[in-house]
Protein backbone atom coordinates (compact mmCIF):
# COMPACT_ATOMS: atom_id res chain seq x y z
CA UNK A 1 -47.36 -153.84 -106.94
CA UNK A 2 -49.76 -151.10 -109.54
CA UNK A 3 -48.26 -150.02 -112.58
CA UNK A 4 -47.74 -146.49 -113.07
CA UNK A 5 -49.73 -145.19 -115.82
CA UNK A 6 -47.98 -141.68 -116.87
CA UNK A 7 -50.03 -138.46 -118.07
CA UNK A 8 -49.66 -135.40 -119.55
CA UNK A 9 -51.57 -132.25 -120.05
CA UNK A 10 -50.79 -130.09 -123.02
CA UNK A 11 -53.02 -127.20 -121.40
CA UNK A 12 -53.46 -128.14 -117.56
CA UNK A 13 -55.79 -127.21 -115.16
CA UNK A 14 -57.27 -128.19 -111.28
CA UNK A 15 -60.08 -129.90 -112.93
CA UNK A 16 -58.42 -132.00 -115.41
CA UNK A 17 -56.26 -133.40 -113.04
CA UNK A 18 -59.16 -133.98 -111.12
CA UNK A 19 -61.28 -136.21 -113.76
CA UNK A 20 -57.93 -137.75 -114.44
CA UNK A 21 -57.79 -138.66 -110.71
CA UNK A 22 -60.87 -139.70 -111.06
CA UNK A 23 -60.60 -142.16 -113.45
CA UNK A 24 -57.73 -143.77 -111.73
CA UNK A 25 -58.53 -143.52 -108.46
CA UNK A 26 -61.67 -145.41 -109.88
CA UNK A 27 -59.89 -147.66 -111.94
CA UNK A 28 -57.85 -148.69 -109.48
CA UNK A 29 -54.80 -147.61 -111.15
CA UNK A 30 -52.19 -145.06 -110.25
CA UNK A 31 -51.45 -141.58 -112.19
CA UNK A 32 -48.41 -139.81 -112.33
CA UNK A 33 -48.19 -136.70 -114.43
CA UNK A 34 -45.09 -136.00 -116.89
CA UNK A 35 -43.70 -132.39 -117.61
CA UNK A 36 -41.53 -134.36 -120.30
CA UNK A 37 -41.37 -136.96 -122.27
CA UNK A 38 -43.27 -140.06 -123.75
CA UNK A 39 -46.34 -140.53 -122.29
CA UNK A 40 -49.49 -143.51 -121.10
CA UNK A 41 -51.48 -141.19 -122.26
CA UNK A 42 -51.56 -137.53 -123.86
CA UNK A 43 -54.86 -135.36 -123.53
CA UNK A 44 -54.07 -131.97 -126.53
CA UNK A 45 -53.79 -132.04 -129.87
CA UNK A 46 -49.63 -131.10 -130.58
CA UNK A 47 -47.70 -133.89 -130.10
CA UNK A 48 -48.24 -137.19 -131.53
CA UNK A 49 -45.66 -139.49 -130.26
CA UNK A 50 -47.32 -140.66 -127.24
CA UNK A 51 -49.55 -144.71 -126.51
CA UNK A 52 -52.72 -143.30 -126.36
CA UNK A 53 -54.36 -139.22 -127.51
CA UNK A 54 -57.66 -137.92 -126.49
CA UNK A 55 -57.01 -134.34 -127.33
CA UNK A 56 -59.86 -131.76 -126.14
CA UNK A 57 -62.74 -130.71 -126.94
CA UNK A 58 -65.37 -129.22 -125.16
CA UNK A 59 -68.92 -129.47 -127.66
CA UNK A 60 -68.60 -133.68 -126.87
CA UNK A 61 -70.92 -135.04 -124.41
CA UNK A 62 -72.34 -137.31 -125.84
CA UNK A 63 -70.92 -140.74 -127.21
CA UNK A 64 -73.91 -142.01 -128.87
CA UNK A 65 -71.65 -144.70 -130.61
CA UNK A 66 -70.35 -146.41 -127.92
CA UNK A 67 -73.92 -145.73 -126.02
CA UNK A 68 -75.32 -147.65 -127.97
CA UNK A 69 -72.74 -151.04 -128.40
CA UNK A 70 -70.96 -150.01 -130.86
CA UNK A 71 -67.89 -151.61 -131.37
CA UNK A 72 -65.05 -149.26 -131.61
CA UNK A 73 -62.12 -150.25 -132.87
CA UNK A 74 -58.99 -149.36 -129.92
CA UNK A 75 -56.38 -146.39 -131.39
CA UNK A 76 -53.58 -144.74 -130.90
CA UNK A 77 -55.77 -142.04 -130.89
CA UNK A 78 -59.50 -141.37 -129.67
CA UNK A 79 -62.24 -139.60 -131.31
CA UNK A 80 -63.40 -138.67 -128.69
CA UNK A 81 -62.56 -136.38 -125.93
CA UNK A 82 -64.04 -138.49 -122.13
CA UNK A 83 -61.25 -136.80 -120.30
CA UNK A 84 -62.98 -133.50 -120.24
CA UNK A 85 -67.06 -135.74 -121.20
CA UNK A 86 -66.73 -136.82 -116.99
CA UNK A 87 -65.70 -133.47 -116.35
CA UNK A 88 -68.44 -131.86 -117.58
CA UNK A 89 -70.64 -134.49 -116.84
CA UNK A 90 -69.28 -135.20 -113.25
CA UNK A 91 -69.12 -131.50 -111.79
CA UNK A 92 -72.23 -130.60 -112.98
CA UNK A 93 -71.12 -128.09 -116.00
CA UNK A 94 -73.41 -128.59 -118.38
CA UNK A 95 -76.48 -127.06 -116.22
CA UNK A 96 -74.98 -123.93 -114.51
CA UNK A 97 -77.00 -122.22 -116.88
CA UNK A 98 -80.16 -123.29 -117.25
CA UNK A 99 -83.55 -120.61 -117.57
CA UNK A 100 -85.37 -120.13 -113.67
CA UNK A 101 -88.41 -122.78 -115.69
CA UNK A 102 -85.70 -125.18 -116.08
CA UNK A 103 -86.07 -125.80 -111.41
CA UNK A 104 -88.77 -126.27 -110.08
CA UNK A 105 -89.78 -124.70 -106.34
CA UNK A 106 -88.08 -126.49 -104.81
CA UNK A 107 -84.97 -125.63 -106.29
CA UNK A 108 -84.87 -128.77 -107.85
CA UNK A 109 -83.61 -129.54 -111.66
CA UNK A 110 -86.39 -130.80 -113.95
CA UNK A 111 -86.32 -134.30 -115.87
CA UNK A 112 -87.13 -132.84 -118.61
CA UNK A 113 -84.34 -130.05 -118.27
CA UNK A 114 -81.73 -132.17 -118.04
CA UNK A 115 -79.16 -133.53 -120.45
CA UNK A 116 -79.91 -136.94 -120.21
CA UNK A 117 -83.58 -137.05 -120.98
CA UNK A 118 -82.83 -134.41 -124.00
CA UNK A 119 -80.87 -136.72 -125.47
CA UNK A 120 -82.36 -140.03 -124.33
CA UNK A 121 -80.06 -141.53 -121.93
CA UNK A 122 -81.70 -141.43 -118.97
CA UNK A 123 -80.95 -145.51 -118.29
CA UNK A 124 -77.20 -144.40 -118.33
CA UNK A 125 -74.89 -144.10 -116.26
CA UNK A 126 -72.50 -141.98 -118.69
CA UNK A 127 -69.71 -141.22 -116.92
CA UNK A 128 -70.11 -144.95 -115.93
CA UNK A 129 -69.62 -146.39 -119.48
CA UNK A 130 -67.17 -143.68 -120.26
CA UNK A 131 -64.70 -145.35 -117.68
CA UNK A 132 -65.82 -148.83 -118.85
CA UNK A 133 -63.91 -148.36 -121.90
CA UNK A 134 -60.79 -146.78 -120.44
CA UNK A 135 -60.53 -149.59 -118.55
CA UNK A 136 -60.62 -150.96 -122.05
CA UNK A 137 -57.51 -149.36 -123.39
CA UNK A 138 -55.48 -149.65 -119.92
CA UNK A 139 -56.24 -153.60 -120.32
CA UNK A 140 -55.34 -154.11 -123.57
CA UNK A 141 -52.37 -150.99 -124.81
CA UNK A 142 -50.60 -150.57 -121.65
CA UNK A 143 -51.43 -154.24 -119.90
CA UNK A 144 -51.97 -151.94 -116.12
CA UNK A 145 -53.11 -154.23 -113.32
CA UNK A 146 -55.29 -152.57 -111.20
CA UNK A 147 -57.35 -152.94 -107.54
CA UNK A 148 -61.31 -153.75 -107.84
CA UNK A 149 -63.37 -150.59 -107.25
CA UNK A 150 -65.51 -152.84 -104.11
CA UNK A 151 -64.72 -155.32 -102.01
CA UNK A 152 -63.93 -159.32 -103.11
CA UNK A 153 -66.29 -161.04 -105.18
CA UNK A 154 -68.74 -158.24 -105.20
CA UNK A 155 -69.57 -155.96 -108.75
CA UNK A 156 -71.57 -153.56 -107.47
CA UNK A 157 -73.00 -152.14 -104.05
CA UNK A 158 -76.80 -150.85 -103.00
CA UNK A 159 -76.96 -148.58 -100.57
CA UNK A 160 -79.90 -148.79 -98.53
CA UNK A 161 -81.77 -145.24 -96.63
CA UNK A 162 -84.75 -144.14 -95.22
CA UNK A 163 -86.45 -140.71 -95.21
CA UNK A 164 -87.90 -139.97 -91.68
CA UNK A 165 -90.15 -137.68 -92.65
CA UNK A 166 -94.31 -138.56 -91.56
CA UNK A 167 -93.56 -141.50 -88.92
CA UNK A 168 -95.59 -140.75 -86.37
CA UNK A 169 -99.28 -139.07 -88.39
CA UNK A 170 -99.93 -137.49 -84.82
CA UNK A 171 -96.25 -136.29 -83.86
CA UNK A 172 -98.91 -132.33 -85.15
CA UNK A 173 -100.53 -132.31 -81.69
CA UNK A 174 -97.11 -133.12 -79.85
CA UNK A 175 -95.77 -129.42 -81.06
CA UNK A 176 -95.56 -126.39 -78.94
CA UNK A 177 -97.68 -123.64 -80.74
CA UNK A 178 -95.48 -121.12 -80.07
CA UNK A 179 -92.35 -118.75 -82.54
CA UNK A 180 -92.65 -119.20 -86.26
CA UNK A 181 -95.33 -121.23 -88.29
CA UNK A 182 -98.24 -120.89 -86.06
CA UNK A 183 -101.10 -120.88 -87.64
CA UNK A 184 -99.32 -124.19 -89.61
CA UNK A 185 -98.52 -126.04 -86.14
CA UNK A 186 -102.46 -124.83 -84.67
CA UNK A 187 -104.15 -125.93 -88.90
CA UNK A 188 -101.28 -128.58 -88.80
CA UNK A 189 -103.16 -129.65 -84.62
CA UNK A 190 -106.66 -129.33 -85.42
CA UNK A 191 -106.66 -131.85 -88.40
CA UNK A 192 -104.40 -133.87 -86.51
CA UNK A 193 -107.37 -134.01 -83.53
CA UNK A 194 -110.12 -134.72 -85.80
CA UNK A 195 -108.40 -137.40 -87.97
CA UNK A 196 -106.58 -139.59 -84.53
CA UNK A 197 -110.45 -139.39 -83.58
CA UNK A 198 -111.44 -142.08 -86.01
CA UNK A 199 -107.69 -143.72 -87.23
CA UNK A 200 -108.14 -147.51 -85.48
CA UNK A 201 -104.43 -147.73 -86.25
CA UNK A 202 -102.61 -144.58 -85.09
CA UNK A 203 -99.17 -145.78 -84.98
CA UNK A 204 -98.69 -147.45 -88.72
CA UNK A 205 -95.81 -145.31 -90.25
CA UNK A 206 -93.90 -145.48 -86.92
CA UNK A 207 -92.49 -149.55 -88.69
CA UNK A 208 -88.80 -148.89 -87.29
CA UNK A 209 -88.71 -152.58 -85.59
CA UNK A 210 -89.85 -153.77 -89.00
CA UNK A 211 -87.78 -152.34 -90.96
CA UNK A 212 -84.37 -153.37 -89.51
CA UNK A 213 -86.01 -156.48 -89.20
CA UNK A 214 -86.63 -156.98 -92.12
CA UNK A 215 -83.38 -156.16 -93.10
CA UNK A 216 -81.59 -157.27 -90.34
CA UNK A 217 -82.47 -161.21 -91.36
CA UNK A 218 -80.79 -161.27 -95.16
CA UNK A 219 -77.59 -159.62 -93.48
CA UNK A 220 -78.39 -155.22 -94.40
CA UNK A 221 -77.49 -152.86 -92.84
CA UNK A 222 -78.61 -149.49 -93.89
CA UNK A 223 -79.48 -145.50 -93.12
CA UNK A 224 -82.13 -143.99 -91.54
CA UNK A 225 -82.19 -139.97 -92.26
CA UNK A 226 -83.99 -138.00 -89.30
CA UNK A 227 -84.65 -134.14 -89.33
CA UNK A 228 -83.27 -132.20 -85.92
CA UNK A 229 -85.16 -129.26 -86.86
CA UNK A 230 -89.13 -129.30 -87.57
CA UNK A 231 -91.60 -127.12 -88.30
CA UNK A 232 -91.74 -125.15 -85.24
CA UNK A 233 -87.87 -124.86 -84.99
CA UNK A 234 -86.07 -121.43 -85.29
CA UNK A 235 -85.58 -121.70 -89.48
CA UNK A 236 -88.46 -124.36 -90.02
CA UNK A 237 -90.29 -124.17 -92.67
CA UNK A 238 -94.16 -125.24 -93.78
CA UNK A 239 -92.47 -128.43 -95.34
CA UNK A 240 -90.48 -128.99 -92.34
CA UNK A 241 -91.30 -132.35 -90.70
CA UNK A 242 -93.35 -132.46 -87.38
CA UNK A 243 -91.76 -135.45 -85.04
CA UNK A 244 -88.90 -133.94 -82.83
CA UNK A 245 -86.30 -135.68 -81.61
CA UNK A 246 -86.12 -135.49 -78.48
CA UNK A 247 -89.51 -137.08 -77.45
CA UNK A 248 -88.59 -140.78 -75.32
CA UNK A 249 -89.80 -143.10 -78.17
CA UNK A 250 -87.45 -141.71 -80.66
CA UNK A 251 -84.70 -142.27 -77.45
CA UNK A 252 -86.13 -146.14 -78.19
CA UNK A 253 -85.31 -146.09 -82.19
CA UNK A 254 -81.44 -144.83 -81.37
CA UNK A 255 -80.28 -146.82 -78.86
CA UNK A 256 -81.96 -149.70 -81.03
CA UNK A 257 -80.35 -148.84 -84.30
CA UNK A 258 -76.94 -148.45 -82.40
CA UNK A 259 -77.22 -151.90 -81.29
CA UNK A 260 -78.39 -153.23 -84.14
CA UNK A 261 -75.40 -151.52 -86.41
CA UNK A 262 -78.13 -149.43 -88.18
CA UNK A 263 -76.82 -145.98 -89.26
CA UNK A 264 -78.43 -142.57 -88.32
CA UNK A 265 -77.71 -139.58 -90.38
CA UNK A 266 -79.12 -136.27 -90.22
CA UNK A 267 -82.29 -134.98 -92.88
CA UNK A 268 -80.92 -131.27 -93.22
CA UNK A 269 -84.04 -129.15 -92.81
CA UNK A 270 -85.42 -127.68 -96.03
CA UNK A 271 -83.63 -124.40 -94.78
CA UNK A 272 -81.11 -125.63 -93.67
CA UNK A 273 -78.60 -124.19 -96.66
CA UNK A 274 -79.79 -120.24 -95.73
CA UNK A 275 -76.73 -120.46 -92.61
CA UNK A 276 -73.92 -122.33 -92.84
CA UNK A 277 -74.45 -122.49 -89.09
CA UNK A 278 -77.73 -124.62 -89.13
CA UNK A 279 -76.06 -127.32 -90.18
CA UNK A 280 -73.34 -127.46 -87.23
CA UNK A 281 -76.80 -126.88 -84.65
CA UNK A 282 -78.81 -129.11 -86.92
CA UNK A 283 -75.53 -132.48 -86.71
CA UNK A 284 -75.49 -131.56 -83.13
CA UNK A 285 -79.01 -130.95 -81.92
CA UNK A 286 -78.77 -135.24 -83.53
CA UNK A 287 -75.16 -136.29 -82.02
CA UNK A 288 -76.77 -135.12 -78.56
CA UNK A 289 -80.39 -136.65 -78.58
CA UNK A 290 -78.79 -140.08 -80.79
CA UNK A 291 -75.78 -140.80 -78.89
CA UNK A 292 -73.74 -140.96 -82.23
CA UNK A 293 -71.53 -139.22 -84.92
CA UNK A 294 -73.54 -138.42 -88.17
CA UNK A 295 -71.24 -139.04 -90.63
CA UNK A 296 -73.20 -138.38 -94.16
CA UNK A 297 -77.05 -135.82 -94.71
CA UNK A 298 -79.59 -135.88 -97.09
CA UNK A 299 -81.96 -132.72 -97.46
CA UNK A 300 -85.33 -132.74 -96.87
CA UNK A 301 -87.43 -132.72 -100.43
CA UNK A 302 -83.76 -131.98 -102.45
CA UNK A 303 -83.82 -128.66 -100.74
CA UNK A 304 -79.98 -127.74 -101.47
CA UNK A 305 -81.38 -124.43 -103.03
CA UNK A 306 -80.77 -122.59 -106.08
CA UNK A 307 -77.24 -122.03 -104.72
CA UNK A 308 -75.94 -126.07 -105.14
CA UNK A 309 -71.96 -125.96 -104.61
CA UNK A 310 -72.70 -122.85 -102.02
CA UNK A 311 -74.74 -125.63 -100.11
CA UNK A 312 -72.31 -128.85 -100.54
CA UNK A 313 -69.58 -126.90 -99.23
CA UNK A 314 -71.11 -126.18 -96.29
CA UNK A 315 -71.42 -129.67 -95.65
CA UNK A 316 -67.75 -129.41 -95.65
CA UNK A 317 -67.64 -127.00 -93.69
CA UNK A 318 -69.60 -128.42 -90.69
CA UNK A 319 -67.58 -131.71 -90.87
CA UNK A 320 -70.16 -133.89 -93.08
CA UNK A 321 -68.46 -136.51 -94.57
CA UNK A 322 -70.21 -137.65 -97.49
CA UNK A 323 -73.99 -136.12 -99.11
CA UNK A 324 -76.98 -138.48 -100.88
CA UNK A 325 -79.09 -136.14 -101.61
CA UNK A 326 -77.75 -135.09 -105.50
CA UNK A 327 -81.30 -136.67 -107.49
CA UNK A 328 -83.99 -136.98 -109.12
CA UNK A 329 -86.89 -136.18 -107.44
CA UNK A 330 -90.06 -137.82 -109.97
CA UNK A 331 -87.95 -140.41 -112.11
CA UNK A 332 -85.45 -143.09 -111.36
CA UNK A 333 -82.41 -142.22 -113.10
CA UNK A 334 -78.65 -140.60 -112.47
CA UNK A 335 -79.11 -136.67 -111.49
CA UNK A 336 -75.67 -136.07 -113.11
CA UNK A 337 -74.59 -139.43 -115.04
CA UNK A 338 -73.01 -141.41 -112.97
CA UNK A 339 -73.38 -144.24 -110.24
CA UNK A 340 -70.38 -144.52 -108.69
CA UNK A 341 -69.10 -142.03 -104.91
CA UNK A 342 -67.56 -138.59 -106.52
CA UNK A 343 -66.67 -135.81 -104.75
CA UNK A 344 -67.72 -132.83 -106.37
CA UNK A 345 -66.59 -130.39 -107.63
CA UNK A 346 -66.18 -126.20 -106.66
CA UNK A 347 -66.01 -124.08 -109.87
CA UNK A 348 -66.00 -120.91 -106.95
CA UNK A 349 -62.91 -122.63 -104.76
CA UNK A 350 -60.91 -124.69 -107.89
CA UNK A 351 -61.12 -128.11 -106.44
CA UNK A 352 -63.00 -131.06 -105.09
CA UNK A 353 -65.53 -130.75 -101.81
CA UNK A 354 -64.00 -132.51 -99.69
CA UNK A 355 -67.66 -134.59 -98.60
CA UNK A 356 -68.11 -138.15 -100.59
CA UNK A 357 -71.51 -137.41 -102.67
CA UNK A 358 -73.09 -141.40 -102.73
CA UNK A 359 -76.01 -140.89 -105.62
CA UNK A 360 -79.17 -142.12 -105.24
CA UNK A 361 -81.42 -143.03 -108.93
CA UNK A 362 -83.87 -144.76 -106.53
CA UNK A 363 -87.18 -143.25 -104.66
CA UNK A 364 -89.99 -145.02 -103.93
CA UNK A 365 -92.82 -142.35 -105.32
CA UNK A 366 -90.79 -142.27 -108.57
CA UNK A 367 -92.25 -145.35 -108.62
CA UNK A 368 -95.91 -145.19 -108.10
CA UNK A 369 -97.02 -142.39 -109.68
CA UNK A 370 -99.43 -143.75 -111.58
CA UNK A 371 -99.91 -146.57 -108.80
CA UNK A 372 -98.58 -149.41 -110.28
CA UNK A 373 -98.54 -152.55 -109.02
CA UNK A 374 -95.83 -154.21 -107.27
CA UNK A 375 -95.03 -156.25 -110.15
CA UNK A 376 -94.61 -152.88 -112.14
CA UNK A 377 -92.57 -150.90 -109.80
CA UNK A 378 -90.35 -153.82 -109.13
CA UNK A 379 -89.98 -154.29 -112.80
CA UNK A 380 -89.04 -151.30 -113.57
CA UNK A 381 -86.62 -150.71 -110.51
CA UNK A 382 -85.44 -154.38 -111.13
CA UNK A 383 -84.34 -153.36 -114.61
CA UNK A 384 -82.18 -150.39 -112.96
CA UNK A 385 -80.14 -152.43 -110.49
CA UNK A 386 -79.41 -154.21 -113.97
CA UNK A 387 -77.56 -151.34 -115.66
CA UNK A 388 -75.74 -150.45 -112.58
CA UNK A 389 -74.65 -154.14 -111.55
CA UNK A 390 -73.39 -154.25 -115.75
CA UNK A 391 -71.90 -150.82 -115.12
CA UNK A 392 -70.00 -151.86 -111.61
CA UNK A 393 -71.33 -148.47 -109.48
CA UNK A 394 -72.96 -147.79 -106.52
CA UNK A 395 -76.71 -147.22 -106.49
CA UNK A 396 -78.38 -145.55 -103.66
CA UNK A 397 -81.99 -146.42 -102.57
CA UNK A 398 -84.32 -143.92 -100.34
CA UNK A 399 -87.29 -145.43 -99.83
CA UNK A 400 -89.53 -143.82 -96.84
CA UNK A 401 -90.31 -144.88 -92.94
CA UNK A 402 -93.77 -145.33 -93.05
CA UNK A 403 -93.48 -146.40 -96.90
CA UNK A 404 -90.95 -149.49 -96.22
CA UNK A 405 -93.05 -152.20 -94.75
CA UNK A 406 -96.79 -153.20 -95.46
CA UNK A 407 -97.19 -152.37 -92.49
CA UNK A 408 -100.62 -149.95 -93.11
CA UNK A 409 -102.43 -149.80 -96.38
CA UNK A 410 -102.36 -145.80 -97.49
CA UNK A 411 -98.49 -147.07 -99.00
CA UNK A 412 -98.77 -151.50 -98.74
CA UNK A 413 -98.28 -151.87 -102.26
CA UNK A 414 -94.84 -149.31 -101.71
CA UNK A 415 -93.96 -151.66 -98.55
CA UNK A 416 -94.15 -155.38 -100.34
CA UNK A 417 -91.94 -154.17 -102.49
CA UNK A 418 -90.18 -152.66 -101.16
CA UNK A 419 -89.51 -156.60 -99.26
CA UNK A 420 -89.36 -158.05 -103.01
CA UNK A 421 -86.26 -155.50 -103.63
CA UNK A 422 -84.64 -157.65 -101.02
CA UNK A 423 -85.32 -160.48 -101.36
CA UNK A 424 -83.76 -160.41 -105.07
CA UNK A 425 -80.50 -158.37 -103.76
CA UNK A 426 -80.30 -160.96 -101.45
CA UNK A 427 -80.17 -163.73 -103.96
CA UNK A 428 -77.22 -162.18 -105.94
CA UNK A 429 -74.14 -162.92 -103.99
CA UNK A 430 -72.76 -160.74 -106.76
CA UNK A 431 -73.53 -157.07 -104.83
CA UNK A 432 -73.16 -155.33 -101.59
CA UNK A 433 -75.92 -154.15 -99.61
CA UNK A 434 -75.20 -151.95 -96.68
CA UNK A 435 -75.72 -148.57 -94.93
CA UNK A 436 -74.00 -145.47 -96.95
CA UNK A 437 -71.59 -145.22 -93.34
CA UNK A 438 -70.33 -148.16 -94.72
CA UNK A 439 -69.99 -147.65 -97.66
CA UNK A 440 -68.33 -144.15 -97.37
CA UNK A 441 -65.79 -146.27 -95.30
CA UNK A 442 -64.44 -148.66 -97.70
CA UNK A 443 -64.49 -146.56 -99.50
CA UNK A 444 -62.09 -143.99 -97.95
CA UNK A 445 -60.29 -146.75 -97.06
CA UNK A 446 -59.34 -147.89 -101.17
CA UNK A 447 -58.11 -144.50 -101.36
CA UNK A 448 -55.73 -145.28 -98.10
CA UNK A 449 -54.48 -148.28 -100.36
CA UNK A 450 -53.81 -146.37 -103.72
CA UNK A 451 -52.42 -143.67 -101.86
CA UNK A 452 -50.17 -145.98 -100.26
CA UNK A 453 -48.96 -147.91 -103.49
């Protein structure tokens, strides 16, 4: 039976309670709030008669000594506000009032404006590091037993995922040039027609079978995010995809994925965030043609809009179970300083949003800005894989369909790097490699297990 860890808050708040629950859940222990008497963990400044005491300090965000690996003497008074720091980092409170120039034209936070890049700690999932310190505190001071974060003998999890953006180079040829974006559609059709005349390999971006076969032979499964809204759709944007999931060729792909156990997720349209109904319409359409319930989504271009929290709340209303849209676009790293599944905080409703966030640490293009070789790209990628494992975290990989197998000239290096990563992961039995759906199901089952203790 798990030992309960009692705690008390000098100034109770929903955010602090949420943060403590996250800490206890991640460490696999039971937290029990007490209003009076001596407790295991006290968060406040006035009372001193407790086992462990953390004094609130909003200025505490980065603990340099801990990050640099210096030995911290474990004592009764913790000289850093770990609880407040985790809450601010995980809720993204630290980035709430940045100027407009901190974001690019797709409303994505530029890495140079992020806390971790400003403080030069971008290679560490800081929340995971703070949780490791909590784990040592509880183990030494309280001898608390716990439930492991991941399945037996696994130290971390890597989620494999693929954005389905351009699986068909000439999909625009089949779009109906009516309604919105007519001029753009006509232009795409003309360009596509001219290029198609001289292309000896017109289908070398349609790599679903190659990707599934390369993953399946290693015992892996992945998630494919398909767009239900395209350029010609009712809320379509010039940035949206050109293909149409209603075409027969996609029906065959969906059937194969269902048979082989690969997950189908929604690649939300560029303008989906403008109206909550858009998520429901896109989800229903994909479920109709995929013949499968859709649990998760990722936004095209990571485009959550300027009001990220509002969009995340719309996910909840639409019935999604998880999202994987919060990431850096140009660099590898941990957008919210965390490499663990979590429920984002809503400042509007003063509660967590009930859609699990699975953080992406690597998108394929982040590795190839300067035309790196396979060895150079993989060296950089492997560094982060080792970091995630050392912190017993989660890292979601986002590799596009056209880049996940070396069958075309344009992305051959990208595909070779992806296969090299798969071989590396297959060689480490302490890493769990799976789809985002399987990760979600594991997290939920673990939550239920903790709730019964």
